[in-house]
N, C-alpha and C. Protein backbone atom coordinates (compact mmCIF):
# COMPACT_ATOMS: atom_id res chain seq x y z
N MET A 1 0.82 -1.16 0.00
CA MET A 1 0.00 0.00 0.00
C MET A 1 0.87 1.23 0.00
N ILE A 2 0.33 2.19 -0.68
CA ILE A 2 1.13 3.39 -0.87
C ILE A 2 0.69 4.41 0.18
N ARG A 3 1.68 4.96 0.75
CA ARG A 3 1.40 5.98 1.76
C ARG A 3 1.76 7.33 1.20
N ILE A 4 0.83 8.30 1.45
CA ILE A 4 1.06 9.68 0.99
C ILE A 4 1.15 10.56 2.23
N ASN A 5 2.15 11.32 2.24
CA ASN A 5 2.36 12.23 3.37
C ASN A 5 1.67 13.59 3.06
N LEU A 6 0.57 13.84 3.72
CA LEU A 6 -0.21 15.06 3.49
C LEU A 6 0.14 16.15 4.51
N LEU A 7 1.01 15.89 5.39
CA LEU A 7 1.35 16.86 6.43
C LEU A 7 1.95 18.14 5.84
N PRO A 8 2.92 18.08 4.95
CA PRO A 8 3.46 19.34 4.44
C PRO A 8 2.40 20.16 3.70
N PHE A 9 1.52 19.51 3.01
CA PHE A 9 0.47 20.24 2.29
C PHE A 9 -0.46 20.92 3.28
N ARG A 10 -0.79 20.22 4.33
CA ARG A 10 -1.65 20.80 5.35
C ARG A 10 -0.93 21.92 6.08
N ALA A 11 0.32 21.77 6.33
CA ALA A 11 1.10 22.82 7.00
C ALA A 11 1.18 24.04 6.10
N GLU A 12 1.37 23.78 4.79
CA GLU A 12 1.39 24.90 3.84
C GLU A 12 0.03 25.59 3.83
N ARG A 13 -0.99 24.84 3.83
CA ARG A 13 -2.33 25.38 3.80
C ARG A 13 -2.62 26.16 5.07
N LYS A 14 -2.14 25.65 6.19
CA LYS A 14 -2.32 26.30 7.47
C LYS A 14 -1.59 27.63 7.49
N LYS A 15 -0.34 27.65 6.94
CA LYS A 15 0.44 28.89 6.89
C LYS A 15 -0.26 29.92 5.99
N GLU A 16 -0.76 29.43 4.87
CA GLU A 16 -1.46 30.34 3.94
C GLU A 16 -2.74 30.89 4.58
N ASN A 17 -3.43 30.08 5.31
CA ASN A 17 -4.65 30.49 6.01
C ASN A 17 -4.31 31.54 7.07
N ILE A 18 -3.21 31.32 7.79
CA ILE A 18 -2.79 32.30 8.81
C ILE A 18 -2.40 33.60 8.14
N ARG A 19 -1.66 33.51 7.00
CA ARG A 19 -1.29 34.74 6.28
C ARG A 19 -2.52 35.48 5.79
N ARG A 20 -3.49 34.77 5.33
CA ARG A 20 -4.72 35.38 4.84
C ARG A 20 -5.46 36.07 6.00
N GLN A 21 -5.55 35.43 7.12
CA GLN A 21 -6.22 36.01 8.28
C GLN A 21 -5.47 37.24 8.78
N VAL A 22 -4.11 37.15 8.81
CA VAL A 22 -3.31 38.31 9.23
C VAL A 22 -3.51 39.46 8.24
N SER A 23 -3.49 39.18 6.95
CA SER A 23 -3.68 40.25 5.97
C SER A 23 -5.10 40.84 6.06
N ILE A 24 -6.11 39.99 6.31
CA ILE A 24 -7.48 40.50 6.48
C ILE A 24 -7.54 41.37 7.73
N PHE A 25 -6.88 40.92 8.81
CA PHE A 25 -6.86 41.72 10.04
C PHE A 25 -6.19 43.07 9.82
N ILE A 26 -5.01 43.03 9.13
CA ILE A 26 -4.28 44.29 8.86
C ILE A 26 -5.10 45.19 7.96
N LEU A 27 -5.72 44.62 6.91
CA LEU A 27 -6.55 45.43 6.02
C LEU A 27 -7.77 45.99 6.77
N SER A 28 -8.37 45.17 7.62
CA SER A 28 -9.50 45.66 8.43
C SER A 28 -9.06 46.77 9.36
N LEU A 29 -7.88 46.58 9.99
CA LEU A 29 -7.34 47.61 10.89
C LEU A 29 -7.07 48.90 10.12
N ILE A 30 -6.49 48.78 8.93
CA ILE A 30 -6.22 49.97 8.10
C ILE A 30 -7.55 50.62 7.70
N PHE A 31 -8.57 49.82 7.34
CA PHE A 31 -9.87 50.36 6.97
C PHE A 31 -10.52 51.09 8.15
N VAL A 32 -10.45 50.47 9.32
CA VAL A 32 -11.02 51.10 10.51
C VAL A 32 -10.28 52.40 10.82
N LEU A 33 -8.94 52.38 10.71
CA LEU A 33 -8.16 53.61 10.95
C LEU A 33 -8.51 54.70 9.93
N LEU A 34 -8.67 54.29 8.67
CA LEU A 34 -9.07 55.26 7.64
C LEU A 34 -10.46 55.83 7.94
N CYS A 35 -11.38 54.96 8.36
CA CYS A 35 -12.74 55.44 8.71
C CYS A 35 -12.68 56.40 9.89
N LEU A 36 -11.89 56.04 10.91
CA LEU A 36 -11.74 56.93 12.07
C LEU A 36 -11.10 58.26 11.67
N PHE A 37 -10.07 58.20 10.81
CA PHE A 37 -9.42 59.43 10.35
C PHE A 37 -10.42 60.31 9.58
N TYR A 38 -11.21 59.67 8.68
CA TYR A 38 -12.20 60.43 7.91
C TYR A 38 -13.26 61.03 8.83
N TYR A 39 -13.74 60.26 9.80
CA TYR A 39 -14.75 60.76 10.75
C TYR A 39 -14.19 61.91 11.58
N ASN A 40 -12.94 61.76 12.02
CA ASN A 40 -12.28 62.83 12.79
C ASN A 40 -12.11 64.08 11.94
N TYR A 41 -11.68 63.90 10.69
CA TYR A 41 -11.53 65.04 9.78
C TYR A 41 -12.88 65.71 9.54
N SER A 42 -13.93 64.91 9.35
CA SER A 42 -15.27 65.45 9.13
C SER A 42 -15.74 66.24 10.35
N LEU A 43 -15.54 65.69 11.54
CA LEU A 43 -15.95 66.39 12.76
C LEU A 43 -15.16 67.68 12.95
N SER A 44 -13.85 67.63 12.70
CA SER A 44 -13.05 68.85 12.89
C SER A 44 -13.44 69.92 11.87
N SER A 45 -13.77 69.51 10.63
CA SER A 45 -14.23 70.52 9.66
C SER A 45 -15.58 71.10 10.06
N ASP A 46 -16.49 70.25 10.62
CA ASP A 46 -17.77 70.75 11.12
C ASP A 46 -17.57 71.71 12.29
N ILE A 47 -16.65 71.38 13.18
CA ILE A 47 -16.35 72.26 14.33
C ILE A 47 -15.79 73.58 13.85
N THR A 48 -14.89 73.54 12.87
CA THR A 48 -14.32 74.77 12.31
C THR A 48 -15.41 75.61 11.66
N LYS A 49 -16.29 74.96 10.92
CA LYS A 49 -17.39 75.68 10.27
C LYS A 49 -18.32 76.30 11.30
N LEU A 50 -18.66 75.55 12.35
CA LEU A 50 -19.52 76.08 13.41
C LEU A 50 -18.85 77.23 14.15
N ASN A 51 -17.55 77.12 14.40
CA ASN A 51 -16.83 78.22 15.06
C ASN A 51 -16.83 79.47 14.19
N ASP A 52 -16.66 79.28 12.87
CA ASP A 52 -16.73 80.43 11.96
C ASP A 52 -18.12 81.05 11.97
N ASP A 53 -19.16 80.19 12.01
CA ASP A 53 -20.54 80.69 12.09
C ASP A 53 -20.77 81.46 13.39
N ILE A 54 -20.21 80.95 14.50
CA ILE A 54 -20.36 81.64 15.80
C ILE A 54 -19.70 83.01 15.74
N VAL A 55 -18.50 83.08 15.15
CA VAL A 55 -17.81 84.37 15.04
C VAL A 55 -18.63 85.33 14.19
N ALA A 56 -19.14 84.85 13.05
CA ALA A 56 -19.93 85.71 12.16
C ALA A 56 -21.22 86.16 12.86
N THR A 57 -21.85 85.24 13.61
CA THR A 57 -23.07 85.59 14.33
C THR A 57 -22.80 86.62 15.42
N ASN A 58 -21.66 86.47 16.11
CA ASN A 58 -21.29 87.47 17.14
C ASN A 58 -21.05 88.84 16.53
N VAL A 59 -20.43 88.86 15.36
CA VAL A 59 -20.21 90.15 14.68
C VAL A 59 -21.55 90.78 14.32
N GLU A 60 -22.47 89.98 13.78
CA GLU A 60 -23.79 90.51 13.43
C GLU A 60 -24.56 90.94 14.68
N LEU A 61 -24.40 90.16 15.76
CA LEU A 61 -25.07 90.49 17.01
C LEU A 61 -24.60 91.84 17.55
N LYS A 62 -23.29 92.08 17.47
CA LYS A 62 -22.76 93.38 17.91
C LYS A 62 -23.33 94.50 17.06
N LYS A 63 -23.41 94.24 15.75
CA LYS A 63 -23.95 95.25 14.84
C LYS A 63 -25.42 95.54 15.18
N PHE A 64 -26.20 94.48 15.43
CA PHE A 64 -27.62 94.66 15.75
C PHE A 64 -27.80 95.29 17.13
N ASN A 65 -26.91 94.97 18.07
CA ASN A 65 -26.98 95.63 19.38
C ASN A 65 -26.75 97.12 19.25
N GLU A 66 -25.82 97.52 18.41
CA GLU A 66 -25.59 98.95 18.18
C GLU A 66 -26.82 99.59 17.54
N ILE A 67 -27.43 98.86 16.59
CA ILE A 67 -28.64 99.38 15.95
C ILE A 67 -29.76 99.51 16.98
N ASN A 68 -29.90 98.51 17.86
CA ASN A 68 -30.93 98.57 18.91
C ASN A 68 -30.70 99.74 19.85
N LYS A 69 -29.44 99.99 20.20
CA LYS A 69 -29.13 101.15 21.06
C LYS A 69 -29.52 102.45 20.36
N GLU A 70 -29.24 102.51 19.08
CA GLU A 70 -29.60 103.71 18.30
C GLU A 70 -31.13 103.86 18.24
N ILE A 71 -31.83 102.73 18.07
CA ILE A 71 -33.30 102.78 18.03
C ILE A 71 -33.84 103.24 19.38
N ASP A 72 -33.29 102.73 20.48
CA ASP A 72 -33.73 103.16 21.81
C ASP A 72 -33.49 104.64 22.02
N ARG A 73 -32.33 105.13 21.55
CA ARG A 73 -32.02 106.55 21.69
C ARG A 73 -33.01 107.39 20.87
N ILE A 74 -33.34 106.90 19.68
CA ILE A 74 -34.30 107.63 18.83
C ILE A 74 -35.68 107.60 19.47
N LYS A 75 -36.07 106.45 20.07
CA LYS A 75 -37.38 106.38 20.74
C LYS A 75 -37.45 107.36 21.90
N LYS A 76 -36.38 107.46 22.69
CA LYS A 76 -36.37 108.41 23.80
C LYS A 76 -36.47 109.84 23.28
N THR A 77 -35.76 110.12 22.21
CA THR A 77 -35.82 111.46 21.62
C THR A 77 -37.23 111.75 21.12
N LEU A 78 -37.87 110.75 20.48
CA LEU A 78 -39.24 110.94 19.99
C LEU A 78 -40.22 111.14 21.14
N GLU A 79 -40.02 110.41 22.24
CA GLU A 79 -40.90 110.60 23.40
C GLU A 79 -40.75 112.01 23.96
N ASN A 80 -39.49 112.48 24.05
CA ASN A 80 -39.27 113.85 24.53
C ASN A 80 -39.91 114.87 23.59
N LEU A 81 -39.77 114.63 22.29
CA LEU A 81 -40.38 115.56 21.33
C LEU A 81 -41.89 115.52 21.42
N LYS A 82 -42.45 114.31 21.62
CA LYS A 82 -43.91 114.20 21.75
C LYS A 82 -44.40 114.95 22.98
N LYS A 83 -43.67 114.81 24.10
CA LYS A 83 -44.04 115.55 25.31
C LYS A 83 -43.98 117.06 25.06
N LYS A 84 -42.93 117.49 24.38
CA LYS A 84 -42.80 118.92 24.08
C LYS A 84 -43.93 119.38 23.15
N MET A 85 -44.27 118.53 22.17
CA MET A 85 -45.36 118.90 21.26
C MET A 85 -46.70 118.96 22.01
N ASP A 86 -46.89 118.04 22.97
CA ASP A 86 -48.12 118.07 23.77
C ASP A 86 -48.20 119.35 24.59
N VAL A 87 -47.06 119.76 25.16
CA VAL A 87 -47.04 121.01 25.92
C VAL A 87 -47.34 122.19 25.01
N ILE A 88 -46.75 122.18 23.82
CA ILE A 88 -46.99 123.27 22.87
C ILE A 88 -48.46 123.29 22.44
N GLU A 89 -49.03 122.09 22.21
CA GLU A 89 -50.45 122.03 21.85
C GLU A 89 -51.34 122.57 22.96
N THR A 90 -51.00 122.19 24.20
CA THR A 90 -51.78 122.67 25.34
C THR A 90 -51.67 124.18 25.44
N LEU A 91 -50.46 124.70 25.29
CA LEU A 91 -50.29 126.16 25.34
C LEU A 91 -51.05 126.84 24.20
N GLU A 92 -51.00 126.22 23.03
CA GLU A 92 -51.71 126.80 21.88
C GLU A 92 -53.21 126.81 22.12
N GLN A 93 -53.73 125.72 22.72
CA GLN A 93 -55.16 125.66 22.99
C GLN A 93 -55.56 126.67 24.06
N ASN A 94 -54.70 126.85 25.03
CA ASN A 94 -55.05 127.71 26.16
C ASN A 94 -54.66 129.17 25.97
N ARG A 95 -53.98 129.50 24.90
CA ARG A 95 -53.53 130.90 24.76
C ARG A 95 -54.70 131.85 24.50
N HIS A 96 -55.77 131.34 23.93
CA HIS A 96 -56.92 132.20 23.65
C HIS A 96 -57.92 132.22 24.82
N ALA A 97 -57.71 131.35 25.80
CA ALA A 97 -58.67 131.25 26.91
C ALA A 97 -58.82 132.56 27.68
N PRO A 98 -57.74 133.26 28.07
CA PRO A 98 -57.94 134.51 28.81
C PRO A 98 -58.66 135.58 27.99
N VAL A 99 -58.34 135.66 26.72
CA VAL A 99 -59.00 136.65 25.85
C VAL A 99 -60.48 136.31 25.73
N ARG A 100 -60.76 135.03 25.55
CA ARG A 100 -62.15 134.60 25.44
C ARG A 100 -62.92 134.86 26.73
N LEU A 101 -62.24 134.61 27.87
CA LEU A 101 -62.87 134.85 29.17
C LEU A 101 -63.21 136.33 29.34
N LEU A 102 -62.25 137.18 29.06
CA LEU A 102 -62.51 138.62 29.21
C LEU A 102 -63.57 139.10 28.22
N ASP A 103 -63.52 138.60 27.00
CA ASP A 103 -64.52 138.98 26.01
C ASP A 103 -65.92 138.56 26.47
N THR A 104 -66.03 137.35 26.99
CA THR A 104 -67.32 136.87 27.49
C THR A 104 -67.78 137.71 28.66
N MET A 105 -66.88 138.04 29.57
CA MET A 105 -67.24 138.84 30.74
C MET A 105 -67.75 140.23 30.34
N THR A 106 -67.10 140.83 29.36
CA THR A 106 -67.56 142.16 28.93
C THR A 106 -68.94 142.09 28.28
N LYS A 107 -69.23 140.97 27.63
CA LYS A 107 -70.55 140.82 27.02
C LYS A 107 -71.63 140.52 28.07
N MET A 108 -71.24 139.92 29.18
CA MET A 108 -72.19 139.52 30.21
C MET A 108 -72.53 140.66 31.17
N VAL A 109 -71.74 141.69 31.20
CA VAL A 109 -71.99 142.81 32.11
C VAL A 109 -73.30 143.50 31.76
N VAL A 110 -74.10 143.80 32.78
CA VAL A 110 -75.33 144.56 32.58
C VAL A 110 -74.88 146.03 32.50
N ALA A 111 -75.02 146.60 31.31
CA ALA A 111 -74.46 147.93 31.05
C ALA A 111 -75.03 148.99 31.99
N LYS A 112 -74.15 149.82 32.48
CA LYS A 112 -74.44 150.97 33.33
C LYS A 112 -75.12 150.59 34.64
N ARG A 113 -75.13 149.32 34.98
CA ARG A 113 -75.78 148.91 36.22
C ARG A 113 -74.83 148.13 37.12
N MET A 114 -73.66 147.76 36.59
CA MET A 114 -72.71 147.02 37.40
C MET A 114 -71.31 147.18 36.83
N GLU A 115 -70.30 146.78 37.66
CA GLU A 115 -68.92 146.75 37.18
C GLU A 115 -68.15 145.72 38.01
N PHE A 116 -67.08 145.23 37.41
CA PHE A 116 -66.24 144.26 38.10
C PHE A 116 -65.20 144.99 38.94
N THR A 117 -64.89 144.42 40.09
CA THR A 117 -63.76 144.92 40.88
C THR A 117 -62.60 143.93 40.84
N ARG A 118 -62.95 142.67 40.61
CA ARG A 118 -61.91 141.65 40.56
C ARG A 118 -62.41 140.44 39.76
N LEU A 119 -61.49 139.89 38.94
CA LEU A 119 -61.79 138.70 38.16
C LEU A 119 -60.59 137.76 38.33
N GLU A 120 -60.84 136.57 38.88
CA GLU A 120 -59.75 135.63 39.17
C GLU A 120 -60.03 134.29 38.50
N ASP A 121 -59.12 133.90 37.62
CA ASP A 121 -59.23 132.63 36.90
C ASP A 121 -58.37 131.60 37.65
N LYS A 122 -59.02 130.56 38.20
CA LYS A 122 -58.30 129.56 38.99
C LYS A 122 -58.24 128.22 38.26
N GLY A 123 -58.03 128.22 36.99
CA GLY A 123 -57.95 126.99 36.22
C GLY A 123 -59.32 126.50 35.80
N LYS A 124 -59.98 125.72 36.67
CA LYS A 124 -61.29 125.16 36.33
C LYS A 124 -62.44 126.02 36.84
N SER A 125 -62.15 127.00 37.66
CA SER A 125 -63.22 127.87 38.17
C SER A 125 -62.80 129.33 38.03
N VAL A 126 -63.81 130.18 38.07
CA VAL A 126 -63.60 131.63 37.95
C VAL A 126 -64.32 132.30 39.12
N LYS A 127 -63.59 133.22 39.76
CA LYS A 127 -64.17 133.99 40.87
C LYS A 127 -64.33 135.43 40.39
N ILE A 128 -65.57 135.92 40.47
CA ILE A 128 -65.90 137.26 39.99
C ILE A 128 -66.39 138.09 41.17
N GLU A 129 -65.78 139.24 41.36
CA GLU A 129 -66.24 140.18 42.39
C GLU A 129 -66.59 141.48 41.70
N GLY A 130 -67.62 142.12 42.21
CA GLY A 130 -68.03 143.37 41.60
C GLY A 130 -69.06 144.11 42.42
N ILE A 131 -69.51 145.23 41.84
CA ILE A 131 -70.51 146.08 42.50
C ILE A 131 -71.66 146.28 41.52
N ALA A 132 -72.90 146.17 42.04
CA ALA A 132 -74.09 146.34 41.20
C ALA A 132 -75.04 147.30 41.90
N LEU A 133 -75.98 147.83 41.13
CA LEU A 133 -76.94 148.78 41.70
C LEU A 133 -77.95 148.07 42.61
N ASP A 134 -78.37 146.86 42.22
CA ASP A 134 -79.39 146.18 43.03
C ASP A 134 -79.28 144.66 42.87
N ASN A 135 -80.13 143.94 43.56
CA ASN A 135 -80.11 142.48 43.53
C ASN A 135 -80.52 141.94 42.16
N LYS A 136 -81.46 142.61 41.50
CA LYS A 136 -81.93 142.16 40.19
C LYS A 136 -80.80 142.18 39.18
N THR A 137 -79.94 143.19 39.24
CA THR A 137 -78.80 143.27 38.32
C THR A 137 -77.87 142.08 38.52
N VAL A 138 -77.61 141.71 39.77
CA VAL A 138 -76.74 140.55 40.06
C VAL A 138 -77.41 139.28 39.53
N ALA A 139 -78.71 139.15 39.73
CA ALA A 139 -79.44 137.97 39.25
C ALA A 139 -79.39 137.90 37.73
N ASP A 140 -79.60 139.03 37.05
CA ASP A 140 -79.52 139.05 35.59
C ASP A 140 -78.12 138.65 35.11
N PHE A 141 -77.10 139.15 35.79
CA PHE A 141 -75.72 138.82 35.44
C PHE A 141 -75.48 137.30 35.58
N MET A 142 -75.97 136.72 36.65
CA MET A 142 -75.79 135.29 36.87
C MET A 142 -76.53 134.46 35.82
N VAL A 143 -77.71 134.90 35.42
CA VAL A 143 -78.47 134.21 34.37
C VAL A 143 -77.71 134.29 33.05
N ARG A 144 -77.14 135.44 32.77
CA ARG A 144 -76.36 135.59 31.54
C ARG A 144 -75.13 134.67 31.55
N LEU A 145 -74.46 134.58 32.71
CA LEU A 145 -73.30 133.69 32.82
C LEU A 145 -73.70 132.24 32.57
N GLN A 146 -74.80 131.84 33.16
CA GLN A 146 -75.26 130.45 33.00
C GLN A 146 -75.62 130.17 31.54
N GLY A 147 -76.17 131.14 30.85
CA GLY A 147 -76.63 130.93 29.48
C GLY A 147 -75.56 131.11 28.42
N CYS A 148 -74.39 131.61 28.76
CA CYS A 148 -73.39 131.89 27.73
C CYS A 148 -72.71 130.63 27.20
N GLY A 149 -72.78 129.53 27.94
CA GLY A 149 -72.19 128.28 27.48
C GLY A 149 -70.74 128.09 27.88
N LEU A 150 -70.14 129.09 28.48
CA LEU A 150 -68.74 129.00 28.91
C LEU A 150 -68.64 128.54 30.36
N PHE A 151 -69.73 128.71 31.12
CA PHE A 151 -69.70 128.38 32.55
C PHE A 151 -70.85 127.46 32.92
N LYS A 152 -70.62 126.71 34.01
CA LYS A 152 -71.68 125.90 34.60
C LYS A 152 -71.55 126.07 36.12
N ASN A 153 -72.56 125.68 36.84
CA ASN A 153 -72.57 125.80 38.31
C ASN A 153 -72.26 127.22 38.78
N VAL A 154 -73.03 128.17 38.28
CA VAL A 154 -72.84 129.57 38.68
C VAL A 154 -73.47 129.74 40.06
N ASN A 155 -72.65 130.07 41.04
CA ASN A 155 -73.11 130.19 42.43
C ASN A 155 -72.77 131.56 42.99
N LEU A 156 -73.73 132.12 43.70
CA LEU A 156 -73.52 133.40 44.38
C LEU A 156 -72.94 133.09 45.76
N LYS A 157 -71.71 133.55 45.98
CA LYS A 157 -71.06 133.27 47.26
C LYS A 157 -71.40 134.34 48.28
N THR A 158 -71.32 135.59 47.85
CA THR A 158 -71.57 136.71 48.78
C THR A 158 -72.39 137.78 48.08
N LEU A 159 -73.34 138.35 48.81
CA LEU A 159 -74.10 139.51 48.34
C LEU A 159 -74.37 140.35 49.58
N ARG A 160 -73.79 141.55 49.59
CA ARG A 160 -73.99 142.42 50.76
C ARG A 160 -74.05 143.87 50.29
N ARG A 161 -74.60 144.69 51.17
CA ARG A 161 -74.71 146.11 50.87
C ARG A 161 -73.36 146.77 51.14
N GLN A 162 -73.00 147.68 50.24
CA GLN A 162 -71.75 148.42 50.40
C GLN A 162 -72.02 149.86 50.00
N GLU A 163 -71.53 150.76 50.83
CA GLU A 163 -71.75 152.17 50.57
C GLU A 163 -70.55 152.72 49.80
N VAL A 164 -70.85 153.27 48.62
CA VAL A 164 -69.82 153.87 47.79
C VAL A 164 -70.28 155.28 47.44
N GLN A 165 -69.52 156.29 47.87
CA GLN A 165 -69.81 157.71 47.61
C GLN A 165 -71.27 158.04 47.94
N ALA A 166 -71.66 157.67 49.12
CA ALA A 166 -72.99 157.97 49.67
C ALA A 166 -74.11 157.25 48.92
N ASN A 167 -73.80 156.20 48.17
CA ASN A 167 -74.80 155.40 47.47
C ASN A 167 -74.78 153.98 48.05
N ASN A 168 -75.96 153.45 48.23
CA ASN A 168 -76.05 152.07 48.70
C ASN A 168 -76.03 151.15 47.48
N LEU A 169 -74.92 150.43 47.32
CA LEU A 169 -74.75 149.50 46.19
C LEU A 169 -74.64 148.07 46.75
N LYS A 170 -74.64 147.12 45.86
CA LYS A 170 -74.54 145.72 46.26
C LYS A 170 -73.18 145.16 45.83
N TYR A 171 -72.41 144.69 46.81
CA TYR A 171 -71.15 143.99 46.53
C TYR A 171 -71.49 142.51 46.38
N PHE A 172 -70.93 141.87 45.32
CA PHE A 172 -71.23 140.45 45.12
C PHE A 172 -69.95 139.68 44.78
N GLN A 173 -70.01 138.40 45.10
CA GLN A 173 -68.97 137.44 44.70
C GLN A 173 -69.68 136.26 44.05
N VAL A 174 -69.28 135.93 42.84
CA VAL A 174 -69.86 134.81 42.11
C VAL A 174 -68.72 133.85 41.76
N ILE A 175 -68.96 132.58 42.02
CA ILE A 175 -67.98 131.55 41.64
C ILE A 175 -68.67 130.60 40.68
N CYS A 176 -68.00 130.33 39.56
CA CYS A 176 -68.57 129.42 38.57
C CYS A 176 -67.47 128.52 37.99
N ASP A 177 -67.88 127.36 37.55
CA ASP A 177 -66.95 126.40 36.95
C ASP A 177 -66.95 126.59 35.44
N LYS A 178 -65.76 126.42 34.85
CA LYS A 178 -65.65 126.52 33.40
C LYS A 178 -66.10 125.21 32.76
N VAL A 179 -66.73 125.35 31.61
CA VAL A 179 -67.06 124.18 30.80
C VAL A 179 -65.78 123.80 30.06
N PRO A 180 -65.35 122.52 30.10
CA PRO A 180 -64.11 122.14 29.41
C PRO A 180 -64.22 122.40 27.91
N ASP A 181 -63.12 122.94 27.37
CA ASP A 181 -63.08 123.22 25.93
C ASP A 181 -62.96 121.91 25.16
N GLN A 182 -63.54 121.89 23.97
CA GLN A 182 -63.33 120.77 23.07
C GLN A 182 -61.99 120.99 22.41
N LYS A 183 -61.20 119.93 22.32
CA LYS A 183 -59.85 120.06 21.78
C LYS A 183 -59.91 120.25 20.27
N PRO A 184 -59.19 121.26 19.75
CA PRO A 184 -59.17 121.46 18.31
C PRO A 184 -58.43 120.36 17.57
N VAL A 185 -57.66 119.54 18.30
CA VAL A 185 -56.93 118.46 17.65
C VAL A 185 -57.90 117.49 17.00
N GLN A 186 -59.04 117.25 17.64
CA GLN A 186 -60.04 116.35 17.08
C GLN A 186 -60.58 116.91 15.77
N LYS A 187 -60.77 118.20 15.72
CA LYS A 187 -61.29 118.81 14.50
C LYS A 187 -60.28 118.65 13.37
N SER A 188 -58.99 118.84 13.67
CA SER A 188 -57.97 118.74 12.62
C SER A 188 -57.85 117.31 12.13
N THR A 189 -58.03 116.31 13.03
CA THR A 189 -57.98 114.92 12.56
C THR A 189 -59.19 114.58 11.74
N GLU A 190 -60.35 115.19 12.07
CA GLU A 190 -61.54 114.97 11.26
C GLU A 190 -61.36 115.56 9.87
N LYS A 191 -60.73 116.75 9.80
CA LYS A 191 -60.48 117.35 8.49
C LYS A 191 -59.54 116.49 7.67
N LYS A 192 -58.51 115.91 8.33
CA LYS A 192 -57.57 115.05 7.62
C LYS A 192 -58.29 113.81 7.11
N ALA A 193 -59.22 113.28 7.90
CA ALA A 193 -59.93 112.07 7.49
C ALA A 193 -60.82 112.34 6.27
N LYS A 194 -61.39 113.54 6.21
CA LYS A 194 -62.25 113.89 5.09
C LYS A 194 -61.46 114.08 3.79
N THR A 195 -60.23 114.59 3.89
CA THR A 195 -59.44 114.84 2.67
C THR A 195 -58.76 113.62 2.15
């Protein structure tokens, strides 16, 4: 019987199998290292890109913060101007009030029967002092004040006899509240709405 020695062939095959496994391991290790290197490179490029975006965003944020500060400064200036304009409007509305008050008072006087000695404007009320010939003249004056539309709550505070140059006259004090004026601003906005 013939004997064949298969041991060297098996040993050769075993060596080749080990070489193949070692080369697969080395190639797998190189592949894993390449994948890790690529992943690391990808992450570092993403980090660099995000850092650049953060820097650009901070620059824009500083720019917008400066713009916001400028807007706040402009708003404060506008508020101050609005307050000043409101004061000017109020002054403009009220500048004719004393003239109108005196004009109304001169129209309300009962001619040749009375005269004023004092007229005091206290904002919302008016205090009128004067001398009249009799009680009827004071009553007529008060009715005229009530009917003129400029005053409400016309009240006689004092009425007493006073001797002036040997004549018995009547001293009176009348206090009345002013009717609030309608603001002309509403009229101007109505005119703007119509045009």
